[in-house]
Amino acid sequence: MEYSQKVLDYFMNPRNMGKIDDPDAVATEGSPACGDQVTIYLKVNPESQTIEDIKFQSYGCASNIATASIITELAKGKTLEEGKKIDWEDAASALDGLPPIKMHCSVLAVDTLRSAITNYEVTHKLAERPEFSKETIVEELGRILYPKVGKSIIDLKMVKYVGWHDGVATVDLDVPKFDEYRDNIAEEIREHLGRYPEIKEINITI
């Protein structure tokens, strides 16, 4: 697997790695059991709503560490609103690209940053936590990338149907049986949706 020099640099010399004592907000996404996890800590200026300091801890591969590190650099000094607009493509581009199979690491880093910002806003009564709905599931599926090309399974029309009823999430996929990433996609869906306490059961048809 070929990494850019920037990815290797941010992996071997990560910026802003560590933990903030008494952070204003913290969020953890991913799972060591699934291979990647990121925690992000924020210090926010309450008057300007600017991210004054940000640090991360991560568990995973070179891409996971590099993307978490670059996200902290992209977010530091930004307002919360500007931080929420940083997306996974910004992270990948700032690292001069990632192998398609590793693009999900940039999604994880962005999701963690946005979760930390949301946690800050909810705690400080600047916003209410979004109500869970079928649209929440669709949005989450839109963060899952097909490893071969690094594009969303929603954009690639691999999702035929999404259902939500009485705590059960149903996802019907259109992925050929011979596709080498078939099981990976299902595993990613379970990992992404499994973090929502509202979901008691996940049914995937593939």
N, C-alpha and C. Protein backbone atom coordinates (compact mmCIF):
# COMPACT_ATOMS: atom_id res chain seq x y z
N MET A 1 0.84 -1.19 0.00
CA MET A 1 0.00 0.00 0.00
C MET A 1 0.88 1.24 0.00
N GLU A 2 0.60 2.17 -0.90
CA GLU A 2 1.45 3.35 -1.05
C GLU A 2 0.83 4.56 -0.36
N TYR A 3 1.58 5.17 0.56
CA TYR A 3 1.15 6.36 1.26
C TYR A 3 1.93 7.57 0.75
N SER A 4 1.30 8.74 0.80
CA SER A 4 2.00 9.97 0.46
C SER A 4 3.04 10.28 1.53
N GLN A 5 3.98 11.12 1.20
CA GLN A 5 4.99 11.53 2.17
C GLN A 5 4.36 12.25 3.36
N LYS A 6 3.27 12.97 3.08
CA LYS A 6 2.59 13.70 4.16
C LYS A 6 1.94 12.75 5.15
N VAL A 7 1.32 11.70 4.64
CA VAL A 7 0.72 10.70 5.53
C VAL A 7 1.79 10.09 6.42
N LEU A 8 2.91 9.73 5.82
CA LEU A 8 4.00 9.12 6.60
C LEU A 8 4.56 10.11 7.63
N ASP A 9 4.64 11.38 7.26
CA ASP A 9 5.15 12.40 8.18
C ASP A 9 4.22 12.55 9.38
N TYR A 10 2.90 12.66 9.10
CA TYR A 10 1.94 12.84 10.19
C TYR A 10 1.77 11.57 11.02
N PHE A 11 2.09 10.44 10.45
CA PHE A 11 2.07 9.19 11.21
C PHE A 11 3.28 9.10 12.14
N MET A 12 4.46 9.41 11.61
CA MET A 12 5.67 9.28 12.40
C MET A 12 5.90 10.48 13.33
N ASN A 13 5.35 11.64 12.95
CA ASN A 13 5.49 12.85 13.76
C ASN A 13 4.13 13.51 13.97
N PRO A 14 3.23 12.83 14.65
CA PRO A 14 1.87 13.36 14.80
C PRO A 14 1.84 14.69 15.57
N ARG A 15 1.01 15.60 15.08
CA ARG A 15 0.82 16.89 15.74
C ARG A 15 -0.37 16.80 16.70
N ASN A 16 -0.26 17.51 17.80
CA ASN A 16 -1.37 17.63 18.77
C ASN A 16 -1.81 16.30 19.37
N MET A 17 -0.90 15.35 19.46
CA MET A 17 -1.25 14.07 20.08
C MET A 17 -1.19 14.22 21.61
N GLY A 18 -2.15 13.63 22.28
CA GLY A 18 -2.17 13.68 23.73
C GLY A 18 -3.56 13.95 24.27
N LYS A 19 -3.61 14.36 25.52
CA LYS A 19 -4.88 14.56 26.21
C LYS A 19 -4.89 15.93 26.86
N ILE A 20 -6.02 16.63 26.77
CA ILE A 20 -6.17 17.91 27.44
C ILE A 20 -6.78 17.67 28.83
N ASP A 21 -6.11 18.18 29.85
CA ASP A 21 -6.67 18.09 31.20
C ASP A 21 -7.86 19.04 31.32
N ASP A 22 -8.94 18.57 31.87
CA ASP A 22 -10.15 19.36 32.04
C ASP A 22 -10.63 19.98 30.71
N PRO A 23 -10.89 19.15 29.70
CA PRO A 23 -11.33 19.68 28.41
C PRO A 23 -12.75 20.24 28.49
N ASP A 24 -13.07 21.13 27.57
CA ASP A 24 -14.43 21.66 27.48
C ASP A 24 -15.36 20.66 26.80
N ALA A 25 -14.78 19.79 26.00
CA ALA A 25 -15.56 18.75 25.33
C ALA A 25 -14.65 17.62 24.91
N VAL A 26 -15.21 16.42 24.86
CA VAL A 26 -14.44 15.25 24.43
C VAL A 26 -15.40 14.30 23.70
N ALA A 27 -14.87 13.58 22.74
CA ALA A 27 -15.67 12.58 22.02
C ALA A 27 -14.77 11.45 21.57
N THR A 28 -15.33 10.25 21.57
CA THR A 28 -14.63 9.06 21.09
C THR A 28 -15.50 8.36 20.07
N GLU A 29 -14.91 8.01 18.93
CA GLU A 29 -15.63 7.28 17.89
C GLU A 29 -14.78 6.09 17.47
N GLY A 30 -15.45 5.07 16.91
CA GLY A 30 -14.76 3.87 16.48
C GLY A 30 -14.64 2.88 17.61
N SER A 31 -13.90 1.81 17.36
CA SER A 31 -13.72 0.76 18.36
C SER A 31 -12.43 0.00 18.09
N PRO A 32 -11.62 -0.22 19.13
CA PRO A 32 -10.40 -1.02 18.94
C PRO A 32 -10.69 -2.41 18.39
N ALA A 33 -11.85 -2.94 18.75
CA ALA A 33 -12.22 -4.27 18.28
C ALA A 33 -12.38 -4.31 16.77
N CYS A 34 -12.76 -3.16 16.19
CA CYS A 34 -12.95 -3.08 14.74
C CYS A 34 -11.71 -2.53 14.03
N GLY A 35 -10.70 -2.15 14.83
CA GLY A 35 -9.44 -1.75 14.21
C GLY A 35 -9.03 -0.31 14.37
N ASP A 36 -10.00 0.62 14.51
CA ASP A 36 -9.66 2.04 14.59
C ASP A 36 -10.52 2.74 15.64
N GLN A 37 -9.88 3.64 16.38
CA GLN A 37 -10.62 4.45 17.35
C GLN A 37 -9.91 5.79 17.50
N VAL A 38 -10.69 6.86 17.66
CA VAL A 38 -10.13 8.20 17.83
C VAL A 38 -10.87 8.90 18.96
N THR A 39 -10.11 9.58 19.81
CA THR A 39 -10.67 10.47 20.84
C THR A 39 -10.14 11.87 20.60
N ILE A 40 -11.03 12.86 20.64
CA ILE A 40 -10.63 14.25 20.44
C ILE A 40 -11.07 15.08 21.64
N TYR A 41 -10.15 15.94 22.12
CA TYR A 41 -10.39 16.83 23.25
C TYR A 41 -10.38 18.28 22.75
N LEU A 42 -11.29 19.09 23.26
CA LEU A 42 -11.38 20.49 22.85
C LEU A 42 -11.28 21.45 24.02
N LYS A 43 -10.62 22.58 23.78
CA LYS A 43 -10.69 23.74 24.64
C LYS A 43 -11.26 24.87 23.79
N VAL A 44 -12.37 25.45 24.25
CA VAL A 44 -13.10 26.42 23.44
C VAL A 44 -13.18 27.76 24.17
N ASN A 45 -12.92 28.84 23.44
CA ASN A 45 -13.11 30.19 23.99
C ASN A 45 -14.61 30.47 24.03
N PRO A 46 -15.18 30.66 25.23
CA PRO A 46 -16.63 30.80 25.32
C PRO A 46 -17.18 32.08 24.68
N GLU A 47 -16.34 33.09 24.54
CA GLU A 47 -16.81 34.35 23.96
C GLU A 47 -16.80 34.31 22.43
N SER A 48 -15.68 33.86 21.87
CA SER A 48 -15.56 33.83 20.40
C SER A 48 -16.01 32.51 19.80
N GLN A 49 -16.27 31.49 20.66
CA GLN A 49 -16.62 30.15 20.19
C GLN A 49 -15.55 29.59 19.26
N THR A 50 -14.30 29.88 19.59
CA THR A 50 -13.15 29.44 18.81
C THR A 50 -12.47 28.26 19.50
N ILE A 51 -12.04 27.30 18.68
CA ILE A 51 -11.30 26.15 19.21
C ILE A 51 -9.87 26.60 19.50
N GLU A 52 -9.57 26.85 20.77
CA GLU A 52 -8.27 27.37 21.15
C GLU A 52 -7.21 26.28 21.23
N ASP A 53 -7.64 25.09 21.64
CA ASP A 53 -6.70 23.97 21.72
C ASP A 53 -7.45 22.69 21.39
N ILE A 54 -6.75 21.76 20.79
CA ILE A 54 -7.35 20.49 20.41
C ILE A 54 -6.26 19.42 20.41
N LYS A 55 -6.57 18.29 20.98
CA LYS A 55 -5.62 17.17 20.99
C LYS A 55 -6.37 15.88 20.68
N PHE A 56 -5.60 14.86 20.33
CA PHE A 56 -6.23 13.59 19.99
C PHE A 56 -5.43 12.42 20.55
N GLN A 57 -6.13 11.32 20.74
CA GLN A 57 -5.52 10.02 21.01
C GLN A 57 -6.15 9.05 20.03
N SER A 58 -5.37 8.11 19.53
CA SER A 58 -5.94 7.19 18.54
C SER A 58 -5.35 5.80 18.68
N TYR A 59 -6.11 4.87 18.17
CA TYR A 59 -5.69 3.48 18.10
C TYR A 59 -5.96 3.01 16.68
N GLY A 60 -4.94 2.54 15.99
CA GLY A 60 -5.18 2.07 14.64
C GLY A 60 -3.96 2.18 13.76
N CYS A 61 -4.22 2.24 12.47
CA CYS A 61 -3.16 2.21 11.46
C CYS A 61 -2.54 3.58 11.23
N ALA A 62 -1.59 3.64 10.30
CA ALA A 62 -0.91 4.90 9.97
C ALA A 62 -1.90 5.95 9.49
N SER A 63 -2.86 5.55 8.65
CA SER A 63 -3.85 6.50 8.12
C SER A 63 -4.72 7.06 9.24
N ASN A 64 -5.05 6.22 10.21
CA ASN A 64 -5.89 6.66 11.32
C ASN A 64 -5.18 7.74 12.14
N ILE A 65 -3.92 7.51 12.44
CA ILE A 65 -3.15 8.48 13.21
C ILE A 65 -2.94 9.76 12.40
N ALA A 66 -2.60 9.62 11.12
CA ALA A 66 -2.33 10.78 10.28
C ALA A 66 -3.58 11.65 10.09
N THR A 67 -4.72 11.02 9.85
CA THR A 67 -5.95 11.81 9.63
C THR A 67 -6.42 12.49 10.92
N ALA A 68 -6.29 11.79 12.05
CA ALA A 68 -6.66 12.42 13.32
C ALA A 68 -5.77 13.63 13.59
N SER A 69 -4.49 13.48 13.28
CA SER A 69 -3.54 14.58 13.50
C SER A 69 -3.85 15.77 12.59
N ILE A 70 -4.10 15.51 11.31
CA ILE A 70 -4.35 16.61 10.38
C ILE A 70 -5.66 17.31 10.70
N ILE A 71 -6.65 16.56 11.21
CA ILE A 71 -7.92 17.17 11.60
C ILE A 71 -7.73 18.20 12.71
N THR A 72 -6.85 17.87 13.66
CA THR A 72 -6.60 18.82 14.75
C THR A 72 -5.98 20.11 14.22
N GLU A 73 -5.11 19.98 13.22
CA GLU A 73 -4.50 21.18 12.64
C GLU A 73 -5.52 22.00 11.86
N LEU A 74 -6.40 21.31 11.13
CA LEU A 74 -7.41 22.02 10.35
C LEU A 74 -8.42 22.74 11.25
N ALA A 75 -8.67 22.16 12.44
CA ALA A 75 -9.71 22.72 13.32
C ALA A 75 -9.19 23.79 14.28
N LYS A 76 -7.92 23.70 14.64
CA LYS A 76 -7.39 24.63 15.64
C LYS A 76 -7.47 26.07 15.15
N GLY A 77 -8.05 26.94 15.98
CA GLY A 77 -8.20 28.35 15.61
C GLY A 77 -9.49 28.66 14.88
N LYS A 78 -10.20 27.61 14.50
CA LYS A 78 -11.48 27.81 13.80
C LYS A 78 -12.61 27.99 14.82
N THR A 79 -13.69 28.64 14.38
CA THR A 79 -14.89 28.69 15.21
C THR A 79 -15.56 27.32 15.18
N LEU A 80 -16.49 27.10 16.08
CA LEU A 80 -17.20 25.82 16.10
C LEU A 80 -17.94 25.60 14.78
N GLU A 81 -18.54 26.66 14.25
CA GLU A 81 -19.27 26.53 12.98
C GLU A 81 -18.33 26.17 11.85
N GLU A 82 -17.15 26.78 11.84
CA GLU A 82 -16.17 26.45 10.80
C GLU A 82 -15.67 25.03 10.98
N GLY A 83 -15.50 24.61 12.23
CA GLY A 83 -15.03 23.24 12.50
C GLY A 83 -16.01 22.20 12.01
N LYS A 84 -17.31 22.49 12.13
CA LYS A 84 -18.34 21.54 11.69
C LYS A 84 -18.36 21.37 10.17
N LYS A 85 -17.81 22.35 9.47
CA LYS A 85 -17.82 22.30 8.00
C LYS A 85 -16.62 21.54 7.42
N ILE A 86 -15.65 21.20 8.25
CA ILE A 86 -14.52 20.39 7.78
C ILE A 86 -15.03 19.00 7.44
N ASP A 87 -14.74 18.50 6.26
CA ASP A 87 -15.22 17.17 5.90
C ASP A 87 -14.05 16.22 5.60
N TRP A 88 -14.40 14.96 5.36
CA TRP A 88 -13.36 13.94 5.20
C TRP A 88 -12.52 14.18 3.95
N GLU A 89 -13.10 14.82 2.95
CA GLU A 89 -12.33 15.13 1.74
C GLU A 89 -11.27 16.18 2.03
N ASP A 90 -11.59 17.13 2.92
CA ASP A 90 -10.60 18.14 3.33
C ASP A 90 -9.40 17.47 4.00
N ALA A 91 -9.70 16.49 4.87
CA ALA A 91 -8.63 15.79 5.57
C ALA A 91 -7.75 15.00 4.61
N ALA A 92 -8.39 14.27 3.70
CA ALA A 92 -7.64 13.47 2.73
C ALA A 92 -6.80 14.36 1.82
N SER A 93 -7.39 15.47 1.38
CA SER A 93 -6.68 16.39 0.50
C SER A 93 -5.47 17.03 1.20
N ALA A 94 -5.64 17.37 2.48
CA ALA A 94 -4.55 17.99 3.24
C ALA A 94 -3.37 17.03 3.41
N LEU A 95 -3.65 15.74 3.29
CA LEU A 95 -2.58 14.73 3.39
C LEU A 95 -2.08 14.29 2.02
N ASP A 96 -2.45 15.02 0.98
CA ASP A 96 -2.07 14.68 -0.40
C ASP A 96 -2.63 13.33 -0.82
N GLY A 97 -3.82 13.00 -0.28
CA GLY A 97 -4.51 11.78 -0.70
C GLY A 97 -4.27 10.60 0.21
N LEU A 98 -5.23 9.67 0.16
CA LEU A 98 -5.14 8.42 0.91
C LEU A 98 -5.51 7.28 -0.03
N PRO A 99 -4.99 6.09 0.20
CA PRO A 99 -5.45 4.94 -0.59
C PRO A 99 -6.96 4.77 -0.37
N PRO A 100 -7.73 4.46 -1.42
CA PRO A 100 -9.19 4.33 -1.27
C PRO A 100 -9.62 3.47 -0.09
N ILE A 101 -8.91 2.38 0.15
CA ILE A 101 -9.29 1.47 1.23
C ILE A 101 -9.07 2.09 2.62
N LYS A 102 -8.35 3.21 2.66
CA LYS A 102 -8.09 3.88 3.93
C LYS A 102 -8.85 5.19 4.08
N MET A 103 -9.70 5.54 3.13
CA MET A 103 -10.47 6.78 3.19
C MET A 103 -11.38 6.83 4.42
N HIS A 104 -11.80 5.65 4.88
CA HIS A 104 -12.70 5.62 6.04
C HIS A 104 -12.04 6.22 7.28
N CYS A 105 -10.72 6.26 7.32
CA CYS A 105 -10.03 6.84 8.46
C CYS A 105 -10.29 8.35 8.55
N SER A 106 -10.36 9.01 7.38
CA SER A 106 -10.65 10.44 7.38
C SER A 106 -12.08 10.69 7.82
N VAL A 107 -13.00 9.79 7.47
CA VAL A 107 -14.39 9.90 7.92
C VAL A 107 -14.45 9.78 9.45
N LEU A 108 -13.72 8.82 10.00
CA LEU A 108 -13.71 8.62 11.44
C LEU A 108 -13.19 9.85 12.17
N ALA A 109 -12.11 10.45 11.66
CA ALA A 109 -11.54 11.64 12.29
C ALA A 109 -12.52 12.81 12.27
N VAL A 110 -13.18 13.01 11.14
CA VAL A 110 -14.17 14.09 11.01
C VAL A 110 -15.37 13.85 11.91
N ASP A 111 -15.86 12.61 11.94
CA ASP A 111 -16.99 12.27 12.80
C ASP A 111 -16.67 12.56 14.27
N THR A 112 -15.44 12.25 14.68
CA THR A 112 -15.05 12.46 16.07
C THR A 112 -15.00 13.95 16.39
N LEU A 113 -14.45 14.74 15.47
CA LEU A 113 -14.41 16.19 15.66
C LEU A 113 -15.83 16.75 15.79
N ARG A 114 -16.71 16.35 14.89
CA ARG A 114 -18.09 16.86 14.92
C ARG A 114 -18.82 16.42 16.18
N SER A 115 -18.55 15.21 16.64
CA SER A 115 -19.17 14.74 17.88
C SER A 115 -18.70 15.56 19.08
N ALA A 116 -17.40 15.90 19.11
CA ALA A 116 -16.87 16.72 20.19
C ALA A 116 -17.51 18.10 20.18
N ILE A 117 -17.67 18.68 18.99
CA ILE A 117 -18.30 20.00 18.87
C ILE A 117 -19.76 19.92 19.32
N THR A 118 -20.47 18.89 18.89
CA THR A 118 -21.86 18.71 19.30
C THR A 118 -21.97 18.57 20.81
N ASN A 119 -21.06 17.78 21.40
CA ASN A 119 -21.08 17.60 22.85
C ASN A 119 -20.87 18.93 23.57
N TYR A 120 -19.99 19.77 23.04
CA TYR A 120 -19.77 21.10 23.62
C TYR A 120 -21.03 21.94 23.53
N GLU A 121 -21.63 21.97 22.35
CA GLU A 121 -22.81 22.81 22.13
C GLU A 121 -23.99 22.36 22.98
N VAL A 122 -24.18 21.06 23.11
CA VAL A 122 -25.29 20.54 23.94
C VAL A 122 -25.04 20.85 25.42
N THR A 123 -23.81 20.61 25.88
CA THR A 123 -23.48 20.86 27.28
C THR A 123 -23.65 22.33 27.66
N HIS A 124 -23.30 23.22 26.71
CA HIS A 124 -23.37 24.66 26.98
C HIS A 124 -24.66 25.29 26.47
N LYS A 125 -25.63 24.43 26.18
CA LYS A 125 -26.98 24.87 25.77
C LYS A 125 -26.97 25.79 24.55
N LEU A 126 -26.03 25.52 23.65
CA LEU A 126 -25.99 26.25 22.38
C LEU A 126 -26.79 25.53 21.31
N ALA A 127 -27.11 24.27 21.58
CA ALA A 127 -27.88 23.46 20.63
C ALA A 127 -28.48 22.28 21.37
N GLU A 128 -29.47 21.66 20.75
CA GLU A 128 -30.06 20.45 21.31
C GLU A 128 -29.55 19.26 20.52
N ARG A 129 -29.40 18.15 21.20
CA ARG A 129 -28.94 16.95 20.51
C ARG A 129 -29.99 16.54 19.49
N PRO A 130 -29.58 16.31 18.23
CA PRO A 130 -30.54 15.96 17.19
C PRO A 130 -31.38 14.74 17.55
N GLU A 131 -32.68 14.80 17.25
CA GLU A 131 -33.57 13.68 17.52
C GLU A 131 -33.27 12.54 16.55
N PHE A 132 -33.22 11.34 17.07
CA PHE A 132 -32.91 10.18 16.23
C PHE A 132 -34.09 9.86 15.34
N SER A 133 -33.79 9.53 14.07
CA SER A 133 -34.84 9.20 13.10
C SER A 133 -34.25 8.34 11.99
N LYS A 134 -35.07 7.96 11.05
CA LYS A 134 -34.60 7.21 9.88
C LYS A 134 -33.54 8.01 9.13
N GLU A 135 -33.72 9.34 9.10
CA GLU A 135 -32.75 10.20 8.40
C GLU A 135 -31.37 10.11 9.05
N THR A 136 -31.36 9.89 10.38
CA THR A 136 -30.08 9.71 11.08
C THR A 136 -29.35 8.49 10.54
N ILE A 137 -30.09 7.43 10.30
CA ILE A 137 -29.49 6.20 9.77
C ILE A 137 -28.95 6.44 8.37
N VAL A 138 -29.74 7.13 7.54
CA VAL A 138 -29.31 7.41 6.16
C VAL A 138 -28.04 8.26 6.17
N GLU A 139 -28.00 9.27 7.04
CA GLU A 139 -26.81 10.13 7.14
C GLU A 139 -25.59 9.32 7.56
N GLU A 140 -25.80 8.40 8.49
CA GLU A 140 -24.69 7.56 8.96
C GLU A 140 -24.19 6.65 7.84
N LEU A 141 -25.11 6.09 7.07
CA LEU A 141 -24.72 5.24 5.94
C LEU A 141 -23.94 6.05 4.91
N GLY A 142 -24.24 7.33 4.81
CA GLY A 142 -23.53 8.20 3.88
C GLY A 142 -22.08 8.44 4.27
N ARG A 143 -21.73 8.07 5.51
CA ARG A 143 -20.34 8.21 5.98
C ARG A 143 -19.53 6.93 5.76
N ILE A 144 -20.20 5.89 5.25
CA ILE A 144 -19.51 4.62 5.02
C ILE A 144 -19.02 4.59 3.58
N LEU A 145 -17.73 4.38 3.41
CA LEU A 145 -17.14 4.42 2.07
C LEU A 145 -16.86 3.03 1.54
N TYR A 146 -17.08 2.86 0.24
CA TYR A 146 -16.74 1.61 -0.43
C TYR A 146 -15.23 1.58 -0.60
N PRO A 147 -14.54 0.62 0.02
CA PRO A 147 -13.06 0.64 0.07
C PRO A 147 -12.37 0.72 -1.28
N LYS A 148 -12.98 0.14 -2.31
CA LYS A 148 -12.29 0.07 -3.59
C LYS A 148 -12.09 1.43 -4.24
N VAL A 149 -13.06 2.34 -4.04
CA VAL A 149 -12.97 3.65 -4.70
C VAL A 149 -13.01 4.81 -3.72
N GLY A 150 -13.26 4.54 -2.44
CA GLY A 150 -13.28 5.61 -1.46
C GLY A 150 -14.45 6.56 -1.61
N LYS A 151 -15.61 6.04 -2.04
CA LYS A 151 -16.82 6.86 -2.17
C LYS A 151 -17.94 6.25 -1.33
N SER A 152 -18.90 7.08 -0.96
CA SER A 152 -19.98 6.65 -0.09
C SER A 152 -20.85 5.56 -0.73
N ILE A 153 -21.29 4.60 0.10
CA ILE A 153 -22.18 3.56 -0.42
C ILE A 153 -23.54 4.14 -0.80
N ILE A 154 -23.88 5.30 -0.25
CA ILE A 154 -25.11 5.99 -0.65
C ILE A 154 -24.92 6.57 -2.04
N ASP A 155 -23.82 7.29 -2.25
CA ASP A 155 -23.54 7.90 -3.55
C ASP A 155 -23.43 6.85 -4.65
N LEU A 156 -22.90 5.68 -4.29
CA LEU A 156 -22.73 4.60 -5.27
C LEU A 156 -24.01 3.77 -5.45
N LYS A 157 -25.08 4.18 -4.73
CA LYS A 157 -26.40 3.52 -4.84
C LYS A 157 -26.34 2.04 -4.46
N MET A 158 -25.52 1.74 -3.48
CA MET A 158 -25.45 0.37 -2.97
C MET A 158 -26.53 0.09 -1.92
N VAL A 159 -27.18 1.15 -1.44
CA VAL A 159 -28.24 1.01 -0.44
C VAL A 159 -29.58 1.06 -1.16
N LYS A 160 -30.31 -0.05 -1.11
CA LYS A 160 -31.62 -0.13 -1.79
C LYS A 160 -32.75 0.34 -0.88
N TYR A 161 -32.63 0.07 0.41
CA TYR A 161 -33.73 0.39 1.32
C TYR A 161 -33.21 0.58 2.73
N VAL A 162 -33.80 1.54 3.43
CA VAL A 162 -33.49 1.77 4.84
C VAL A 162 -34.81 1.82 5.61
N GLY A 163 -34.90 1.01 6.66
CA GLY A 163 -36.10 1.00 7.48
C GLY A 163 -35.78 1.25 8.94
N TRP A 164 -36.75 1.83 9.66
CA TRP A 164 -36.57 2.10 11.08
C TRP A 164 -37.92 1.96 11.78
N HIS A 165 -38.00 1.00 12.71
CA HIS A 165 -39.26 0.77 13.41
C HIS A 165 -39.01 0.03 14.72
N ASP A 166 -39.52 0.59 15.81
CA ASP A 166 -39.45 -0.05 17.13
C ASP A 166 -38.04 -0.51 17.50
N GLY A 167 -37.06 0.34 17.27
CA GLY A 167 -35.69 0.03 17.66
C GLY A 167 -34.93 -0.87 16.71
N VAL A 168 -35.57 -1.23 15.58
CA VAL A 168 -34.92 -2.11 14.61
C VAL A 168 -34.56 -1.32 13.35
N ALA A 169 -33.28 -1.33 12.99
CA ALA A 169 -32.81 -0.69 11.76
C ALA A 169 -32.63 -1.77 10.70
N THR A 170 -33.21 -1.53 9.53
CA THR A 170 -33.12 -2.49 8.43
C THR A 170 -32.41 -1.83 7.26
N VAL A 171 -31.41 -2.50 6.73
CA VAL A 171 -30.66 -1.97 5.58
C VAL A 171 -30.55 -3.06 4.53
N ASP A 172 -31.08 -2.78 3.34
CA ASP A 172 -30.95 -3.70 2.21
C ASP A 172 -29.90 -3.16 1.26
N LEU A 173 -28.92 -3.99 0.93
CA LEU A 173 -27.81 -3.57 0.09
C LEU A 173 -27.82 -4.28 -1.26
N ASP A 174 -27.26 -3.60 -2.23
CA ASP A 174 -27.08 -4.18 -3.56
C ASP A 174 -25.59 -4.31 -3.82
N VAL A 175 -25.01 -5.41 -3.34
CA VAL A 175 -23.58 -5.68 -3.50
C VAL A 175 -23.42 -7.10 -4.03
N PRO A 176 -22.76 -7.28 -5.16
CA PRO A 176 -22.61 -8.63 -5.74
C PRO A 176 -21.96 -9.61 -4.77
N LYS A 177 -22.34 -10.87 -4.85
CA LYS A 177 -21.80 -11.90 -3.97
C LYS A 177 -20.30 -12.09 -4.14
N PHE A 178 -19.81 -11.78 -5.34
CA PHE A 178 -18.38 -11.97 -5.60
C PHE A 178 -17.54 -10.78 -5.16
N ASP A 179 -18.18 -9.70 -4.66
CA ASP A 179 -17.45 -8.50 -4.27
C ASP A 179 -16.59 -8.79 -3.04
N GLU A 180 -15.30 -8.53 -3.14
CA GLU A 180 -14.37 -8.85 -2.05
C GLU A 180 -14.60 -8.01 -0.80
N TYR A 181 -15.30 -6.87 -0.94
CA TYR A 181 -15.52 -5.99 0.20
C TYR A 181 -16.93 -6.13 0.79
N ARG A 182 -17.64 -7.12 0.35
CA ARG A 182 -19.03 -7.33 0.78
C ARG A 182 -19.15 -7.41 2.31
N ASP A 183 -18.35 -8.26 2.91
CA ASP A 183 -18.40 -8.43 4.36
C ASP A 183 -17.91 -7.19 5.10
N ASN A 184 -16.92 -6.49 4.52
CA ASN A 184 -16.40 -5.27 5.14
C ASN A 184 -17.49 -4.21 5.25
N ILE A 185 -18.30 -4.09 4.19
CA ILE A 185 -19.36 -3.09 4.18
C ILE A 185 -20.37 -3.38 5.28
N ALA A 186 -20.77 -4.64 5.39
CA ALA A 186 -21.73 -5.03 6.43
C ALA A 186 -21.16 -4.76 7.82
N GLU A 187 -19.88 -5.05 8.00
CA GLU A 187 -19.24 -4.83 9.29
C GLU A 187 -19.19 -3.34 9.63
N GLU A 188 -18.90 -2.51 8.61
CA GLU A 188 -18.86 -1.06 8.82
C GLU A 188 -20.23 -0.53 9.21
N ILE A 189 -21.28 -1.06 8.57
CA ILE A 189 -22.64 -0.63 8.89
C ILE A 189 -22.96 -0.95 10.34
N ARG A 190 -22.62 -2.15 10.77
CA ARG A 190 -22.90 -2.53 12.17
C ARG A 190 -22.11 -1.67 13.15
N GLU A 191 -20.87 -1.33 12.78
CA GLU A 191 -20.06 -0.50 13.66
C GLU A 191 -20.64 0.91 13.75
N HIS A 192 -21.02 1.49 12.62
CA HIS A 192 -21.53 2.86 12.59
C HIS A 192 -22.88 2.97 13.30
N LEU A 193 -23.78 2.05 13.02
CA LEU A 193 -25.12 2.12 13.60
C LEU A 193 -25.14 1.63 15.05
N GLY A 194 -24.18 0.77 15.40
CA GLY A 194 -24.15 0.20 16.74
C GLY A 194 -23.87 1.20 17.84
N ARG A 195 -23.38 2.38 17.49
CA ARG A 195 -23.06 3.38 18.52
C ARG A 195 -24.28 4.17 18.97
N TYR A 196 -25.41 3.95 18.29
CA TYR A 196 -26.64 4.66 18.68
C TYR A 196 -27.44 3.82 19.67
N PRO A 197 -27.64 4.30 20.88
CA PRO A 197 -28.40 3.52 21.87
C PRO A 197 -29.85 3.29 21.47
N GLU A 198 -30.36 4.13 20.57
CA GLU A 198 -31.75 3.97 20.12
C GLU A 198 -31.94 2.69 19.31
N ILE A 199 -30.85 2.23 18.68
CA ILE A 199 -30.93 1.03 17.83
C ILE A 199 -30.67 -0.21 18.68
N LYS A 200 -31.68 -1.06 18.76
CA LYS A 200 -31.57 -2.29 19.54
C LYS A 200 -31.21 -3.49 18.67
N GLU A 201 -31.51 -3.39 17.39
CA GLU A 201 -31.26 -4.51 16.48
C GLU A 201 -30.96 -3.98 15.08
N ILE A 202 -29.99 -4.60 14.40
CA ILE A 202 -29.62 -4.20 13.04
C ILE A 202 -29.78 -5.38 12.12
N ASN A 203 -30.65 -5.25 11.13
CA ASN A 203 -30.87 -6.29 10.13
C ASN A 203 -30.31 -5.83 8.79
N ILE A 204 -29.35 -6.59 8.27
CA ILE A 204 -28.73 -6.25 6.99
C ILE A 204 -29.00 -7.37 5.98
N THR A 205 -29.57 -7.01 4.85
CA THR A 205 -29.78 -7.95 3.76
C THR A 205 -28.80 -7.59 2.65
N ILE A 206 -27.99 -8.55 2.26
CA ILE A 206 -26.95 -8.25 1.28
C ILE A 206 -26.84 -9.40 0.27
